[in-house]
Amino acid sequence: MQSGGDEVKHKDDFYRSEKKPSEQSKKTQKSILDRLSRIEGQIRGIKNMIENETYCDDIINQLEACRSALHSLEILLLESHLKNCVLEQLQDGDLEVIDEVLKTIKKITR
């Protein structure tokens, strides 16, 4: 982290490390992108349901399914972040990352 509170802009938004991503990281990225594509399809489906004046309870059920998919994606991304970015920063002696992770966990557990 740079002094003055400025966030460091990383070459690749998915990875903090300048190292070449591992096969495991590539698999995680593919899984995240696949899930996002499914969620995108769910959102389009919900939009169509609203345009077609589908019964509200059915729309609400689809919204909940979408919310659940987003939450699962959050968990997957957090796991990847902990195993890769956070671990590397801790190994480099950057203990500030602990506060960052705690703040993130508080956000997703509200």
PDB file of N, CA and C in Angstrom:
ATOM      1  N   MET A   1       0.840  -1.185   0.000  1.00  0.00           N
ATOM      2  CA  MET A   1       0.000   0.000   0.000  1.00  0.00           C
ATOM      3  C   MET A   1       0.879   1.240   0.000  1.00  0.00           C
ATOM      4  N   GLN A   2       0.511   2.228  -0.768  1.00  0.00           N
ATOM      5  CA  GLN A   2       1.284   3.448  -0.841  1.00  0.00           C
ATOM      6  C   GLN A   2       0.943   4.332   0.344  1.00  0.00           C
ATOM      7  N   SER A   3       1.870   5.211   0.699  1.00  0.00           N
ATOM      8  CA  SER A   3       1.595   6.147   1.782  1.00  0.00           C
ATOM      9  C   SER A   3       0.587   7.182   1.315  1.00  0.00           C
ATOM     10  N   GLY A   4      -0.056   7.820   2.281  1.00  0.00           N
ATOM     11  CA  GLY A   4      -1.050   8.828   1.946  1.00  0.00           C
ATOM     12  C   GLY A   4      -2.414   8.246   1.680  1.00  0.00           C
ATOM     13  N   GLY A   5      -2.580   6.926   1.849  1.00  0.00           N
ATOM     14  CA  GLY A   5      -3.878   6.295   1.682  1.00  0.00           C
ATOM     15  C   GLY A   5      -4.276   6.042   0.244  1.00  0.00           C
ATOM     16  N   ASP A   6      -3.390   6.371  -0.700  1.00  0.00           N
ATOM     17  CA  ASP A   6      -3.717   6.114  -2.099  1.00  0.00           C
ATOM     18  C   ASP A   6      -3.698   4.618  -2.355  1.00  0.00           C
ATOM     19  N   GLU A   7      -4.707   4.145  -3.055  1.00  0.00           N
ATOM     20  CA  GLU A   7      -4.756   2.724  -3.392  1.00  0.00           C
ATOM     21  C   GLU A   7      -3.815   2.446  -4.544  1.00  0.00           C
ATOM     22  N   VAL A   8      -3.132   1.329  -4.451  1.00  0.00           N
ATOM     23  CA  VAL A   8      -2.231   0.918  -5.520  1.00  0.00           C
ATOM     24  C   VAL A   8      -3.065   0.362  -6.660  1.00  0.00           C
ATOM     25  N   LYS A   9      -2.819   0.813  -7.872  1.00  0.00           N
ATOM     26  CA  LYS A   9      -3.515   0.294  -9.047  1.00  0.00           C
ATOM     27  C   LYS A   9      -2.719  -0.892  -9.550  1.00  0.00           C
ATOM     28  N   HIS A  10      -3.373  -2.026  -9.642  1.00  0.00           N
ATOM     29  CA  HIS A  10      -2.686  -3.242 -10.024  1.00  0.00           C
ATOM     30  C   HIS A  10      -2.881  -3.536 -11.498  1.00  0.00           C
ATOM     31  N   LYS A  11      -1.872  -4.206 -12.055  1.00  0.00           N
ATOM     32  CA  LYS A  11      -1.870  -4.550 -13.474  1.00  0.00           C
ATOM     33  C   LYS A  11      -3.090  -5.384 -13.846  1.00  0.00           C
ATOM     34  N   ASP A  12      -3.481  -6.281 -12.974  1.00  0.00           N
ATOM     35  CA  ASP A  12      -4.606  -7.179 -13.215  1.00  0.00           C
ATOM     36  C   ASP A  12      -5.544  -7.063 -12.027  1.00  0.00           C
ATOM     37  N   ASP A  13      -6.786  -6.665 -12.261  1.00  0.00           N
ATOM     38  CA  ASP A  13      -7.727  -6.446 -11.168  1.00  0.00           C
ATOM     39  C   ASP A  13      -7.986  -7.693 -10.342  1.00  0.00           C
ATOM     40  N   PHE A  14      -7.839  -8.868 -10.915  1.00  0.00           N
ATOM     41  CA  PHE A  14      -8.159 -10.101 -10.199  1.00  0.00           C
ATOM     42  C   PHE A  14      -7.022 -10.542  -9.296  1.00  0.00           C
ATOM     43  N   TYR A  15      -5.809 -10.188  -9.635  1.00  0.00           N
ATOM     44  CA  TYR A  15      -4.645 -10.634  -8.876  1.00  0.00           C
ATOM     45  C   TYR A  15      -3.848  -9.433  -8.400  1.00  0.00           C
ATOM     46  N   ARG A  16      -3.471  -9.420  -7.146  1.00  0.00           N
ATOM     47  CA  ARG A  16      -2.630  -8.367  -6.616  1.00  0.00           C
ATOM     48  C   ARG A  16      -1.173  -8.605  -6.981  1.00  0.00           C
ATOM     49  N   SER A  17      -0.821  -9.842  -7.141  1.00  0.00           N
ATOM     50  CA  SER A  17       0.565 -10.220  -7.368  1.00  0.00           C
ATOM     51  C   SER A  17       0.999  -9.904  -8.793  1.00  0.00           C
ATOM     52  N   GLU A  18       2.251  -9.552  -8.929  1.00  0.00           N
ATOM     53  CA  GLU A  18       2.829  -9.357 -10.260  1.00  0.00           C
ATOM     54  C   GLU A  18       3.247 -10.704 -10.847  1.00  0.00           C
ATOM     55  N   LYS A  19       3.169 -11.756 -10.030  1.00  0.00           N
ATOM     56  CA  LYS A  19       3.536 -13.087 -10.491  1.00  0.00           C
ATOM     57  C   LYS A  19       2.501 -13.591 -11.485  1.00  0.00           C
ATOM     58  N   LYS A  20       2.927 -14.538 -12.304  1.00  0.00           N
ATOM     59  CA  LYS A  20       2.005 -15.163 -13.252  1.00  0.00           C
ATOM     60  C   LYS A  20       0.969 -15.966 -12.461  1.00  0.00           C
ATOM     61  N   PRO A  21      -0.317 -15.828 -12.785  1.00  0.00           N
ATOM     62  CA  PRO A  21      -1.351 -16.565 -12.052  1.00  0.00           C
ATOM     63  C   PRO A  21      -1.146 -18.073 -12.168  1.00  0.00           C
ATOM     64  N   SER A  22      -1.411 -18.772 -11.077  1.00  0.00           N
ATOM     65  CA  SER A  22      -1.295 -20.227 -11.077  1.00  0.00           C
ATOM     66  C   SER A  22      -2.481 -20.837 -11.811  1.00  0.00           C
ATOM     67  N   GLU A  23      -2.373 -22.122 -12.114  1.00  0.00           N
ATOM     68  CA  GLU A  23      -3.492 -22.829 -12.747  1.00  0.00           C
ATOM     69  C   GLU A  23      -4.724 -22.767 -11.854  1.00  0.00           C
ATOM     70  N   GLN A  24      -4.511 -22.892 -10.533  1.00  0.00           N
ATOM     71  CA  GLN A  24      -5.630 -22.825  -9.597  1.00  0.00           C
ATOM     72  C   GLN A  24      -6.306 -21.457  -9.681  1.00  0.00           C
ATOM     73  N   SER A  25      -5.511 -20.392  -9.764  1.00  0.00           N
ATOM     74  CA  SER A  25      -6.070 -19.044  -9.881  1.00  0.00           C
ATOM     75  C   SER A  25      -6.858 -18.887 -11.173  1.00  0.00           C
ATOM     76  N   LYS A  26      -6.349 -19.467 -12.255  1.00  0.00           N
ATOM     77  CA  LYS A  26      -7.055 -19.396 -13.536  1.00  0.00           C
ATOM     78  C   LYS A  26      -8.380 -20.146 -13.458  1.00  0.00           C
ATOM     79  N   LYS A  27      -8.389 -21.293 -12.763  1.00  0.00           N
ATOM     80  CA  LYS A  27      -9.628 -22.054 -12.599  1.00  0.00           C
ATOM     81  C   LYS A  27     -10.634 -21.256 -11.784  1.00  0.00           C
ATOM     82  N   THR A  28     -10.154 -20.594 -10.739  1.00  0.00           N
ATOM     83  CA  THR A  28     -11.042 -19.775  -9.910  1.00  0.00           C
ATOM     84  C   THR A  28     -11.607 -18.627 -10.726  1.00  0.00           C
ATOM     85  N   GLN A  29     -10.764 -17.986 -11.519  1.00  0.00           N
ATOM     86  CA  GLN A  29     -11.236 -16.883 -12.351  1.00  0.00           C
ATOM     87  C   GLN A  29     -12.290 -17.374 -13.337  1.00  0.00           C
ATOM     88  N   LYS A  30     -12.062 -18.531 -13.950  1.00  0.00           N
ATOM     89  CA  LYS A  30     -13.042 -19.083 -14.888  1.00  0.00           C
ATOM     90  C   LYS A  30     -14.348 -19.378 -14.168  1.00  0.00           C
ATOM     91  N   SER A  31     -14.263 -19.941 -12.975  1.00  0.00           N
ATOM     92  CA  SER A  31     -15.458 -20.239 -12.195  1.00  0.00           C
ATOM     93  C   SER A  31     -16.235 -18.961 -11.874  1.00  0.00           C
ATOM     94  N   ILE A  32     -15.518 -17.916 -11.507  1.00  0.00           N
ATOM     95  CA  ILE A  32     -16.159 -16.632 -11.202  1.00  0.00           C
ATOM     96  C   ILE A  32     -16.842 -16.075 -12.448  1.00  0.00           C
ATOM     97  N   LEU A  33     -16.157 -16.103 -13.569  1.00  0.00           N
ATOM     98  CA  LEU A  33     -16.746 -15.579 -14.808  1.00  0.00           C
ATOM     99  C   LEU A  33     -17.952 -16.405 -15.245  1.00  0.00           C
ATOM    100  N   ASP A  34     -17.876 -17.728 -15.082  1.00  0.00           N
ATOM    101  CA  ASP A  34     -19.020 -18.589 -15.414  1.00  0.00           C
ATOM    102  C   ASP A  34     -20.219 -18.255 -14.532  1.00  0.00           C
ATOM    103  N   ARG A  35     -19.963 -18.080 -13.250  1.00  0.00           N
ATOM    104  CA  ARG A  35     -21.055 -17.742 -12.328  1.00  0.00           C
ATOM    105  C   ARG A  35     -21.661 -16.388 -12.670  1.00  0.00           C
ATOM    106  N   LEU A  36     -20.810 -15.428 -13.009  1.00  0.00           N
ATOM    107  CA  LEU A  36     -21.322 -14.110 -13.392  1.00  0.00           C
ATOM    108  C   LEU A  36     -22.185 -14.193 -14.641  1.00  0.00           C
ATOM    109  N   SER A  37     -21.811 -15.030 -15.576  1.00  0.00           N
ATOM    110  CA  SER A  37     -22.624 -15.211 -16.785  1.00  0.00           C
ATOM    111  C   SER A  37     -23.989 -15.791 -16.438  1.00  0.00           C
ATOM    112  N   ARG A  38     -24.012 -16.764 -15.518  1.00  0.00           N
ATOM    113  CA  ARG A  38     -25.301 -17.335 -15.100  1.00  0.00           C
ATOM    114  C   ARG A  38     -26.155 -16.292 -14.384  1.00  0.00           C
ATOM    115  N   ILE A  39     -25.525 -15.502 -13.528  1.00  0.00           N
ATOM    116  CA  ILE A  39     -26.256 -14.450 -12.810  1.00  0.00           C
ATOM    117  C   ILE A  39     -26.794 -13.425 -13.799  1.00  0.00           C
ATOM    118  N   GLU A  40     -25.990 -13.077 -14.784  1.00  0.00           N
ATOM    119  CA  GLU A  40     -26.430 -12.150 -15.832  1.00  0.00           C
ATOM    120  C   GLU A  40     -27.672 -12.703 -16.538  1.00  0.00           C
ATOM    121  N   GLY A  41     -27.672 -13.994 -16.820  1.00  0.00           N
ATOM    122  CA  GLY A  41     -28.839 -14.635 -17.431  1.00  0.00           C
ATOM    123  C   GLY A  41     -30.048 -14.596 -16.513  1.00  0.00           C
ATOM    124  N   GLN A  42     -29.813 -14.803 -15.218  1.00  0.00           N
ATOM    125  CA  GLN A  42     -30.916 -14.727 -14.256  1.00  0.00           C
ATOM    126  C   GLN A  42     -31.523 -13.325 -14.247  1.00  0.00           C
ATOM    127  N   ILE A  43     -30.679 -12.309 -14.274  1.00  0.00           N
ATOM    128  CA  ILE A  43     -31.158 -10.919 -14.268  1.00  0.00           C
ATOM    129  C   ILE A  43     -31.985 -10.639 -15.525  1.00  0.00           C
ATOM    130  N   ARG A  44     -31.495 -11.089 -16.680  1.00  0.00           N
ATOM    131  CA  ARG A  44     -32.268 -10.908 -17.916  1.00  0.00           C
ATOM    132  C   ARG A  44     -33.613 -11.621 -17.813  1.00  0.00           C
ATOM    133  N   GLY A  45     -33.607 -12.818 -17.219  1.00  0.00           N
ATOM    134  CA  GLY A  45     -34.853 -13.560 -17.035  1.00  0.00           C
ATOM    135  C   GLY A  45     -35.832 -12.809 -16.147  1.00  0.00           C
ATOM    136  N   ILE A  46     -35.323 -12.207 -15.085  1.00  0.00           N
ATOM    137  CA  ILE A  46     -36.176 -11.426 -14.179  1.00  0.00           C
ATOM    138  C   ILE A  46     -36.748 -10.221 -14.914  1.00  0.00           C
ATOM    139  N   LYS A  47     -35.925  -9.564 -15.720  1.00  0.00           N
ATOM    140  CA  LYS A  47     -36.404  -8.421 -16.505  1.00  0.00           C
ATOM    141  C   LYS A  47     -37.536  -8.859 -17.435  1.00  0.00           C
ATOM    142  N   ASN A  48     -37.353  -9.999 -18.095  1.00  0.00           N
ATOM    143  CA  ASN A  48     -38.404 -10.514 -18.982  1.00  0.00           C
ATOM    144  C   ASN A  48     -39.667 -10.848 -18.203  1.00  0.00           C
ATOM    145  N   MET A  49     -39.507 -11.410 -17.022  1.00  0.00           N
ATOM    146  CA  MET A  49     -40.669 -11.741 -16.191  1.00  0.00           C
ATOM    147  C   MET A  49     -41.468 -10.481 -15.866  1.00  0.00           C
ATOM    148  N   ILE A  50     -40.762  -9.406 -15.549  1.00  0.00           N
ATOM    149  CA  ILE A  50     -41.437  -8.149 -15.222  1.00  0.00           C
ATOM    150  C   ILE A  50     -42.123  -7.584 -16.461  1.00  0.00           C
ATOM    151  N   GLU A  51     -41.425  -7.614 -17.602  1.00  0.00           N
ATOM    152  CA  GLU A  51     -42.021  -7.122 -18.846  1.00  0.00           C
ATOM    153  C   GLU A  51     -43.259  -7.933 -19.234  1.00  0.00           C
ATOM    154  N   ASN A  52     -43.251  -9.225 -18.924  1.00  0.00           N
ATOM    155  CA  ASN A  52     -44.380 -10.100 -19.257  1.00  0.00           C
ATOM    156  C   ASN A  52     -45.430 -10.169 -18.152  1.00  0.00           C
ATOM    157  N   GLU A  53     -45.269  -9.304 -17.156  1.00  0.00           N
ATOM    158  CA  GLU A  53     -46.215  -9.209 -16.037  1.00  0.00           C
ATOM    159  C   GLU A  53     -46.428 -10.555 -15.349  1.00  0.00           C
ATOM    160  N   THR A  54     -45.328 -11.256 -15.109  1.00  0.00           N
ATOM    161  CA  THR A  54     -45.360 -12.537 -14.404  1.00  0.00           C
ATOM    162  C   THR A  54     -45.809 -12.305 -12.967  1.00  0.00           C
ATOM    163  N   TYR A  55     -46.428 -13.297 -12.402  1.00  0.00           N
ATOM    164  CA  TYR A  55     -46.913 -13.253 -11.026  1.00  0.00           C
ATOM    165  C   TYR A  55     -45.769 -12.837 -10.091  1.00  0.00           C
ATOM    166  N   CYS A  56     -46.045 -11.863  -9.234  1.00  0.00           N
ATOM    167  CA  CYS A  56     -45.018 -11.254  -8.376  1.00  0.00           C
ATOM    168  C   CYS A  56     -44.255 -12.276  -7.534  1.00  0.00           C
ATOM    169  N   ASP A  57     -44.950 -13.265  -6.985  1.00  0.00           N
ATOM    170  CA  ASP A  57     -44.287 -14.256  -6.141  1.00  0.00           C
ATOM    171  C   ASP A  57     -43.226 -15.027  -6.930  1.00  0.00           C
ATOM    172  N   ASP A  58     -43.505 -15.305  -8.188  1.00  0.00           N
ATOM    173  CA  ASP A  58     -42.524 -15.990  -9.034  1.00  0.00           C
ATOM    174  C   ASP A  58     -41.287 -15.115  -9.264  1.00  0.00           C
ATOM    175  N   ILE A  59     -41.517 -13.827  -9.447  1.00  0.00           N
ATOM    176  CA  ILE A  59     -40.401 -12.890  -9.632  1.00  0.00           C
ATOM    177  C   ILE A  59     -39.566 -12.821  -8.357  1.00  0.00           C
ATOM    178  N   ILE A  60     -40.240 -12.741  -7.222  1.00  0.00           N
ATOM    179  CA  ILE A  60     -39.530 -12.684  -5.938  1.00  0.00           C
ATOM    180  C   ILE A  60     -38.677 -13.934  -5.737  1.00  0.00           C
ATOM    181  N   ASN A  61     -39.212 -15.088  -6.104  1.00  0.00           N
ATOM    182  CA  ASN A  61     -38.434 -16.328  -5.988  1.00  0.00           C
ATOM    183  C   ASN A  61     -37.178 -16.277  -6.854  1.00  0.00           C
ATOM    184  N   GLN A  62     -37.299 -15.726  -8.048  1.00  0.00           N
ATOM    185  CA  GLN A  62     -36.134 -15.608  -8.928  1.00  0.00           C
ATOM    186  C   GLN A  62     -35.133 -14.587  -8.389  1.00  0.00           C
ATOM    187  N   LEU A  63     -35.641 -13.516  -7.798  1.00  0.00           N
ATOM    188  CA  LEU A  63     -34.751 -12.531  -7.177  1.00  0.00           C
ATOM    189  C   LEU A  63     -33.954 -13.163  -6.041  1.00  0.00           C
ATOM    190  N   GLU A  64     -34.616 -13.993  -5.244  1.00  0.00           N
ATOM    191  CA  GLU A  64     -33.926 -14.663  -4.137  1.00  0.00           C
ATOM    192  C   GLU A  64     -32.869 -15.630  -4.667  1.00  0.00           C
ATOM    193  N   ALA A  65     -33.172 -16.330  -5.747  1.00  0.00           N
ATOM    194  CA  ALA A  65     -32.189 -17.232  -6.352  1.00  0.00           C
ATOM    195  C   ALA A  65     -30.970 -16.443  -6.836  1.00  0.00           C
ATOM    196  N   CYS A  66     -31.217 -15.276  -7.388  1.00  0.00           N
ATOM    197  CA  CYS A  66     -30.139 -14.418  -7.867  1.00  0.00           C
ATOM    198  C   CYS A  66     -29.305 -13.907  -6.685  1.00  0.00           C
ATOM    199  N   ARG A  67     -29.968 -13.494  -5.630  1.00  0.00           N
ATOM    200  CA  ARG A  67     -29.269 -13.023  -4.426  1.00  0.00           C
ATOM    201  C   ARG A  67     -28.381 -14.138  -3.864  1.00  0.00           C
ATOM    202  N   SER A  68     -28.908 -15.349  -3.829  1.00  0.00           N
ATOM    203  CA  SER A  68     -28.152 -16.493  -3.331  1.00  0.00           C
ATOM    204  C   SER A  68     -26.922 -16.770  -4.203  1.00  0.00           C
ATOM    205  N   ALA A  69     -27.097 -16.664  -5.511  1.00  0.00           N
ATOM    206  CA  ALA A  69     -25.978 -16.872  -6.433  1.00  0.00           C
ATOM    207  C   ALA A  69     -24.898 -15.809  -6.225  1.00  0.00           C
ATOM    208  N   LEU A  70     -25.310 -14.571  -6.002  1.00  0.00           N
ATOM    209  CA  LEU A  70     -24.349 -13.498  -5.740  1.00  0.00           C
ATOM    210  C   LEU A  70     -23.600 -13.745  -4.435  1.00  0.00           C
ATOM    211  N   HIS A  71     -24.315 -14.208  -3.413  1.00  0.00           N
ATOM    212  CA  HIS A  71     -23.673 -14.488  -2.126  1.00  0.00           C
ATOM    213  C   HIS A  71     -22.646 -15.614  -2.276  1.00  0.00           C
ATOM    214  N   SER A  72     -23.000 -16.650  -3.006  1.00  0.00           N
ATOM    215  CA  SER A  72     -22.056 -17.749  -3.246  1.00  0.00           C
ATOM    216  C   SER A  72     -20.817 -17.245  -3.980  1.00  0.00           C
ATOM    217  N   LEU A  73     -21.018 -16.332  -4.907  1.00  0.00           N
ATOM    218  CA  LEU A  73     -19.903 -15.741  -5.638  1.00  0.00           C
ATOM    219  C   LEU A  73     -19.016 -14.927  -4.694  1.00  0.00           C
ATOM    220  N   GLU A  74     -19.630 -14.170  -3.792  1.00  0.00           N
ATOM    221  CA  GLU A  74     -18.862 -13.418  -2.795  1.00  0.00           C
ATOM    222  C   GLU A  74     -17.964 -14.341  -1.982  1.00  0.00           C
ATOM    223  N   ILE A  75     -18.525 -15.459  -1.543  1.00  0.00           N
ATOM    224  CA  ILE A  75     -17.770 -16.412  -0.730  1.00  0.00           C
ATOM    225  C   ILE A  75     -16.609 -16.994  -1.533  1.00  0.00           C
ATOM    226  N   LEU A  76     -16.863 -17.385  -2.767  1.00  0.00           N
ATOM    227  CA  LEU A  76     -15.808 -17.930  -3.622  1.00  0.00           C
ATOM    228  C   LEU A  76     -14.685 -16.916  -3.813  1.00  0.00           C
ATOM    229  N   LEU A  77     -15.054 -15.674  -4.073  1.00  0.00           N
ATOM    230  CA  LEU A  77     -14.058 -14.633  -4.292  1.00  0.00           C
ATOM    231  C   LEU A  77     -13.282 -14.338  -3.010  1.00  0.00           C
ATOM    232  N   LEU A  78     -13.963 -14.328  -1.874  1.00  0.00           N
ATOM    233  CA  LEU A  78     -13.285 -14.109  -0.598  1.00  0.00           C
ATOM    234  C   LEU A  78     -12.286 -15.233  -0.322  1.00  0.00           C
ATOM    235  N   GLU A  79     -12.689 -16.472  -0.567  1.00  0.00           N
ATOM    236  CA  GLU A  79     -11.775 -17.610  -0.379  1.00  0.00           C
ATOM    237  C   GLU A  79     -10.527 -17.449  -1.241  1.00  0.00           C
ATOM    238  N   SER A  80     -10.730 -17.104  -2.496  1.00  0.00           N
ATOM    239  CA  SER A  80      -9.605 -16.914  -3.409  1.00  0.00           C
ATOM    240  C   SER A  80      -8.711 -15.774  -2.928  1.00  0.00           C
ATOM    241  N   HIS A  81      -9.323 -14.702  -2.482  1.00  0.00           N
ATOM    242  CA  HIS A  81      -8.589 -13.538  -1.985  1.00  0.00           C
ATOM    243  C   HIS A  81      -7.731 -13.924  -0.780  1.00  0.00           C
ATOM    244  N   LEU A  82      -8.324 -14.682   0.147  1.00  0.00           N
ATOM    245  CA  LEU A  82      -7.585 -15.102   1.341  1.00  0.00           C
ATOM    246  C   LEU A  82      -6.421 -16.023   0.991  1.00  0.00           C
ATOM    247  N   LYS A  83      -6.675 -16.971   0.110  1.00  0.00           N
ATOM    248  CA  LYS A  83      -5.653 -17.968  -0.235  1.00  0.00           C
ATOM    249  C   LYS A  83      -4.536 -17.404  -1.101  1.00  0.00           C
ATOM    250  N   ASN A  84      -4.801 -16.331  -1.809  1.00  0.00           N
ATOM    251  CA  ASN A  84      -3.806 -15.787  -2.731  1.00  0.00           C
ATOM    252  C   ASN A  84      -3.301 -14.422  -2.270  1.00  0.00           C
ATOM    253  N   CYS A  85      -4.095 -13.410  -2.454  1.00  0.00           N
ATOM    254  CA  CYS A  85      -3.673 -12.031  -2.187  1.00  0.00           C
ATOM    255  C   CYS A  85      -3.297 -11.812  -0.723  1.00  0.00           C
ATOM    256  N   VAL A  86      -4.193 -12.198   0.176  1.00  0.00           N
ATOM    257  CA  VAL A  86      -3.965 -11.943   1.598  1.00  0.00           C
ATOM    258  C   VAL A  86      -2.767 -12.739   2.101  1.00  0.00           C
ATOM    259  N   LEU A  87      -2.701 -14.003   1.739  1.00  0.00           N
ATOM    260  CA  LEU A  87      -1.573 -14.835   2.160  1.00  0.00           C
ATOM    261  C   LEU A  87      -0.251 -14.221   1.713  1.00  0.00           C
ATOM    262  N   GLU A  88      -0.204 -13.789   0.471  1.00  0.00           N
ATOM    263  CA  GLU A  88       1.027 -13.185  -0.050  1.00  0.00           C
ATOM    264  C   GLU A  88       1.384 -11.912   0.708  1.00  0.00           C
ATOM    265  N   GLN A  89       0.383 -11.074   0.990  1.00  0.00           N
ATOM    266  CA  GLN A  89       0.650  -9.831   1.710  1.00  0.00           C
ATOM    267  C   GLN A  89       1.126 -10.107   3.134  1.00  0.00           C
ATOM    268  N   LEU A  90       0.536 -11.100   3.787  1.00  0.00           N
ATOM    269  CA  LEU A  90       0.986 -11.464   5.132  1.00  0.00           C
ATOM    270  C   LEU A  90       2.422 -11.977   5.100  1.00  0.00           C
ATOM    271  N   GLN A  91       2.737 -12.786   4.103  1.00  0.00           N
ATOM    272  CA  GLN A  91       4.106 -13.298   3.967  1.00  0.00           C
ATOM    273  C   GLN A  91       5.100 -12.169   3.714  1.00  0.00           C
ATOM    274  N   ASP A  92       4.620 -11.091   3.091  1.00  0.00           N
ATOM    275  CA  ASP A  92       5.468  -9.921   2.845  1.00  0.00           C
ATOM    276  C   ASP A  92       5.505  -8.983   4.047  1.00  0.00           C
ATOM    277  N   GLY A  93       4.804  -9.347   5.131  1.00  0.00           N
ATOM    278  CA  GLY A  93       4.817  -8.545   6.350  1.00  0.00           C
ATOM    279  C   GLY A  93       3.779  -7.445   6.402  1.00  0.00           C
ATOM    280  N   ASP A  94       2.857  -7.416   5.465  1.00  0.00           N
ATOM    281  CA  ASP A  94       1.817  -6.383   5.435  1.00  0.00           C
ATOM    282  C   ASP A  94       0.652  -6.808   6.319  1.00  0.00           C
ATOM    283  N   LEU A  95       0.671  -6.361   7.571  1.00  0.00           N
ATOM    284  CA  LEU A  95      -0.377  -6.740   8.513  1.00  0.00           C
ATOM    285  C   LEU A  95      -1.637  -5.889   8.366  1.00  0.00           C
ATOM    286  N   GLU A  96      -1.551  -4.791   7.619  1.00  0.00           N
ATOM    287  CA  GLU A  96      -2.729  -3.948   7.385  1.00  0.00           C
ATOM    288  C   GLU A  96      -3.824  -4.709   6.656  1.00  0.00           C
ATOM    289  N   VAL A  97      -3.433  -5.742   5.931  1.00  0.00           N
ATOM    290  CA  VAL A  97      -4.393  -6.523   5.162  1.00  0.00           C
ATOM    291  C   VAL A  97      -5.416  -7.192   6.084  1.00  0.00           C
ATOM    292  N   ILE A  98      -5.050  -7.448   7.329  1.00  0.00           N
ATOM    293  CA  ILE A  98      -5.987  -8.070   8.274  1.00  0.00           C
ATOM    294  C   ILE A  98      -7.192  -7.169   8.492  1.00  0.00           C
ATOM    295  N   ASP A  99      -6.962  -5.873   8.694  1.00  0.00           N
ATOM    296  CA  ASP A  99      -8.075  -4.932   8.869  1.00  0.00           C
ATOM    297  C   ASP A  99      -8.935  -4.862   7.614  1.00  0.00           C
ATOM    298  N   GLU A 100      -8.285  -4.911   6.450  1.00  0.00           N
ATOM    299  CA  GLU A 100      -9.017  -4.896   5.183  1.00  0.00           C
ATOM    300  C   GLU A 100      -9.950  -6.106   5.089  1.00  0.00           C
ATOM    301  N   VAL A 101      -9.438  -7.277   5.447  1.00  0.00           N
ATOM    302  CA  VAL A 101     -10.236  -8.503   5.379  1.00  0.00           C
ATOM    303  C   VAL A 101     -11.383  -8.456   6.381  1.00  0.00           C
ATOM    304  N   LEU A 102     -11.112  -7.986   7.591  1.00  0.00           N
ATOM    305  CA  LEU A 102     -12.177  -7.886   8.596  1.00  0.00           C
ATOM    306  C   LEU A 102     -13.290  -6.951   8.131  1.00  0.00           C
ATOM    307  N   LYS A 103     -12.921  -5.847   7.527  1.00  0.00           N
ATOM    308  CA  LYS A 103     -13.905  -4.893   6.995  1.00  0.00           C
ATOM    309  C   LYS A 103     -14.755  -5.557   5.909  1.00  0.00           C
ATOM    310  N   THR A 104     -14.108  -6.317   5.035  1.00  0.00           N
ATOM    311  CA  THR A 104     -14.823  -7.016   3.962  1.00  0.00           C
ATOM    312  C   THR A 104     -15.771  -8.060   4.527  1.00  0.00           C
ATOM    313  N   ILE A 105     -15.311  -8.830   5.503  1.00  0.00           N
ATOM    314  CA  ILE A 105     -16.161  -9.857   6.116  1.00  0.00           C
ATOM    315  C   ILE A 105     -17.377  -9.221   6.775  1.00  0.00           C
ATOM    316  N   LYS A 106     -17.183  -8.090   7.443  1.00  0.00           N
ATOM    317  CA  LYS A 106     -18.317  -7.389   8.066  1.00  0.00           C
ATOM    318  C   LYS A 106     -19.343  -6.975   7.014  1.00  0.00           C
ATOM    319  N   LYS A 107     -18.864  -6.528   5.855  1.00  0.00           N
ATOM    320  CA  LYS A 107     -19.775  -6.112   4.783  1.00  0.00           C
ATOM    321  C   LYS A 107     -20.625  -7.273   4.287  1.00  0.00           C
ATOM    322  N   ILE A 108     -20.003  -8.437   4.088  1.00  0.00           N
ATOM    323  CA  ILE A 108     -20.759  -9.535   3.484  1.00  0.00           C
ATOM    324  C   ILE A 108     -21.582 -10.319   4.490  1.00  0.00           C
ATOM    325  N   THR A 109     -21.388 -10.058   5.783  1.00  0.00           N
ATOM    326  CA  THR A 109     -22.178 -10.778   6.783  1.00  0.00           C
ATOM    327  C   THR A 109     -23.308  -9.929   7.349  1.00  0.00           C
ATOM    328  N   ARG A 110     -23.531  -8.771   6.794  1.00  0.00           N
ATOM    329  CA  ARG A 110     -24.646  -7.916   7.253  1.00  0.00           C
ATOM    330  C   ARG A 110     -25.962  -8.527   6.881  1.00  0.00           C
TER     331      ARG A 110
END
